[in-house]
Amino acid sequence: MTWRRLRPGEIDHEVIWLGVSLACLAGAWLWLHLALPLPGCVFHRVTGLPCPTCGMTRCLRYSFQHDWRAAARINPLGFLGYGAVAAYDIYAAIVVLFRLPRLRFDGLTFRTGQIVRFVVIGAIIVNWAWLIWIGV
């Protein structure tokens, strides 16, 4: 993990993902604000069980209403994910606006990558178990 300036021709991920996340946020807010119909979960309809992402829309709706407890309860991993995106957006806006060095994960070992993958998969499984437990 290093802080460095962009190399010539290197993709500016901060600009791209800041734009994508802000566009998605604006679209989600507009969709919910206009009370447009929400897509149904096919997995839930077919199996009767929540999918690993069930509750994400309600989590976002609660977050827009500043009901953090309900948002975290309905989908804890989704709530943390939304928080991580917000933190990344703040980081990206600062480094882009002030032309600062960027955080890059150059030279991560294969073992570190494996650990990160297992932790993420484990978090998804635990979150899914939570969703089943509370009956989302």
Protein backbone atom coordinates (compact mmCIF):
# COMPACT_ATOMS: atom_id res chain seq x y z
CA MET A 1 0.00 0.00 0.00
CA THR A 2 1.59 3.24 -1.12
CA TRP A 3 0.67 6.86 -1.73
CA ARG A 4 1.93 8.00 -5.10
CA ARG A 5 1.13 10.28 -8.01
CA LEU A 6 -0.56 8.88 -11.09
CA ARG A 7 1.79 7.56 -13.71
CA PRO A 8 1.45 8.85 -17.29
CA GLY A 9 -1.43 7.05 -18.99
CA GLU A 10 -2.61 5.43 -15.75
CA ILE A 11 -6.36 5.18 -15.25
CA ASP A 12 -7.68 7.68 -12.70
CA HIS A 13 -9.87 5.34 -10.69
CA GLU A 14 -10.82 8.05 -8.21
CA VAL A 15 -12.44 10.21 -10.91
CA ILE A 16 -14.20 7.25 -12.54
CA TRP A 17 -15.60 5.66 -9.36
CA LEU A 18 -16.50 8.97 -7.75
CA GLY A 19 -18.56 9.81 -10.84
CA VAL A 20 -20.15 6.35 -10.96
CA SER A 21 -21.06 6.31 -7.27
CA LEU A 22 -22.47 9.84 -7.31
CA ALA A 23 -24.54 9.07 -10.40
CA CYS A 24 -25.87 5.89 -8.76
CA LEU A 25 -26.63 7.77 -5.56
CA ALA A 26 -28.51 10.48 -7.47
CA GLY A 27 -30.42 7.86 -9.44
CA ALA A 28 -31.34 5.89 -6.30
CA TRP A 29 -32.45 9.02 -4.48
CA LEU A 30 -34.58 10.12 -7.44
CA TRP A 31 -36.10 6.63 -7.84
CA LEU A 32 -37.05 6.45 -4.16
CA HIS A 33 -38.15 10.11 -4.02
CA LEU A 34 -40.51 9.61 -6.95
CA ALA A 35 -41.78 6.37 -5.35
CA LEU A 36 -41.23 4.42 -8.55
CA PRO A 37 -41.94 0.67 -8.36
CA LEU A 38 -39.11 -1.39 -6.92
CA PRO A 39 -37.90 -4.51 -8.70
CA GLY A 40 -38.80 -7.75 -6.95
CA CYS A 41 -36.25 -10.32 -5.83
CA VAL A 42 -36.58 -13.39 -8.04
CA PHE A 43 -34.49 -15.52 -5.66
CA HIS A 44 -36.79 -14.64 -2.75
CA ARG A 45 -39.89 -15.28 -4.82
CA VAL A 46 -38.67 -18.71 -5.98
CA THR A 47 -37.06 -20.03 -2.78
CA GLY A 48 -38.83 -18.07 -0.04
CA LEU A 49 -35.40 -17.18 1.37
CA PRO A 50 -33.75 -13.79 1.18
CA CYS A 51 -30.85 -13.44 -1.22
CA PRO A 52 -27.53 -12.07 0.14
CA THR A 53 -28.51 -8.56 -1.01
CA CYS A 54 -32.11 -8.57 0.22
CA GLY A 55 -32.84 -5.47 2.25
CA MET A 56 -30.33 -3.25 0.44
CA THR A 57 -33.04 -0.94 -0.93
CA ARG A 58 -34.69 -0.64 2.48
CA CYS A 59 -31.25 -0.05 4.01
CA LEU A 60 -30.65 2.79 1.57
CA ARG A 61 -34.14 4.21 2.17
CA TYR A 62 -33.54 4.19 5.95
CA SER A 63 -30.15 5.82 5.39
CA PHE A 64 -31.74 8.61 3.34
CA GLN A 65 -34.16 9.13 6.26
CA HIS A 66 -31.22 9.20 8.75
CA ASP A 67 -32.56 6.12 10.57
CA TRP A 68 -29.13 4.52 10.98
CA ARG A 69 -30.23 1.84 13.46
CA ALA A 70 -32.94 0.49 11.15
CA ALA A 71 -30.55 0.66 8.17
CA ALA A 72 -27.88 -1.32 10.02
CA ARG A 73 -30.42 -3.86 11.29
CA ILE A 74 -32.07 -4.59 7.94
CA ASN A 75 -28.77 -5.37 6.16
CA PRO A 76 -25.58 -4.88 8.22
CA LEU A 77 -23.16 -5.63 5.38
CA GLY A 78 -25.06 -3.34 3.03
CA PHE A 79 -24.96 -0.58 5.64
CA LEU A 80 -21.19 -1.01 6.01
CA GLY A 81 -20.86 -1.09 2.23
CA TYR A 82 -22.75 2.18 1.85
CA GLY A 83 -20.54 3.68 4.55
CA ALA A 84 -17.42 2.45 2.76
CA VAL A 85 -18.61 4.00 -0.51
CA ALA A 86 -19.25 7.31 1.30
CA ALA A 87 -15.74 7.21 2.83
CA TYR A 88 -14.23 6.39 -0.57
CA ASP A 89 -16.14 9.27 -2.18
CA ILE A 90 -14.78 11.70 0.42
CA TYR A 91 -11.24 10.39 -0.16
CA ALA A 92 -11.66 10.54 -3.95
CA ALA A 93 -13.07 14.07 -3.90
CA ILE A 94 -10.18 15.31 -1.74
CA VAL A 95 -7.39 13.74 -3.81
CA VAL A 96 -8.98 14.84 -7.10
CA LEU A 97 -9.75 18.42 -6.03
CA PHE A 98 -6.36 19.02 -4.43
CA ARG A 99 -4.37 16.89 -6.91
CA LEU A 100 -2.85 14.81 -4.12
CA PRO A 101 -1.03 11.46 -4.37
CA ARG A 102 -3.36 8.47 -4.67
CA LEU A 103 -3.53 5.38 -2.50
CA ARG A 104 -2.47 2.34 -4.51
CA PHE A 105 -2.21 -1.30 -3.53
CA ASP A 106 0.91 -2.11 -5.53
CA GLY A 107 2.68 -5.33 -4.75
CA LEU A 108 0.12 -7.16 -2.64
CA THR A 109 1.07 -10.77 -2.14
CA PHE A 110 -1.03 -13.67 -3.36
CA ARG A 111 -1.55 -14.73 0.26
CA THR A 112 -2.92 -11.30 1.19
CA GLY A 113 -5.32 -11.51 -1.74
CA GLN A 114 -6.50 -14.93 -0.56
CA ILE A 115 -7.09 -13.67 2.97
CA VAL A 116 -9.11 -10.70 1.69
CA ARG A 117 -11.22 -12.99 -0.52
CA PHE A 118 -11.95 -15.40 2.34
CA VAL A 119 -12.86 -12.55 4.71
CA VAL A 120 -15.23 -11.03 2.13
CA ILE A 121 -16.88 -14.39 1.40
CA GLY A 122 -17.18 -15.05 5.14
CA ALA A 123 -18.78 -11.64 5.70
CA ILE A 124 -21.30 -12.30 2.92
CA ILE A 125 -22.20 -15.71 4.43
CA VAL A 126 -22.59 -14.27 7.96
CA ASN A 127 -24.70 -11.39 6.61
CA TRP A 128 -26.87 -13.83 4.65
CA ALA A 129 -27.39 -15.92 7.78
CA TRP A 130 -28.45 -12.73 9.58
CA LEU A 131 -30.95 -11.91 6.84
CA ILE A 132 -32.44 -15.41 7.08
CA TRP A 133 -32.51 -15.20 10.89
CA ILE A 134 -34.43 -11.88 11.01
CA GLY A 135 -36.70 -12.92 8.15
CA VAL A 136 -36.00 -10.13 5.68
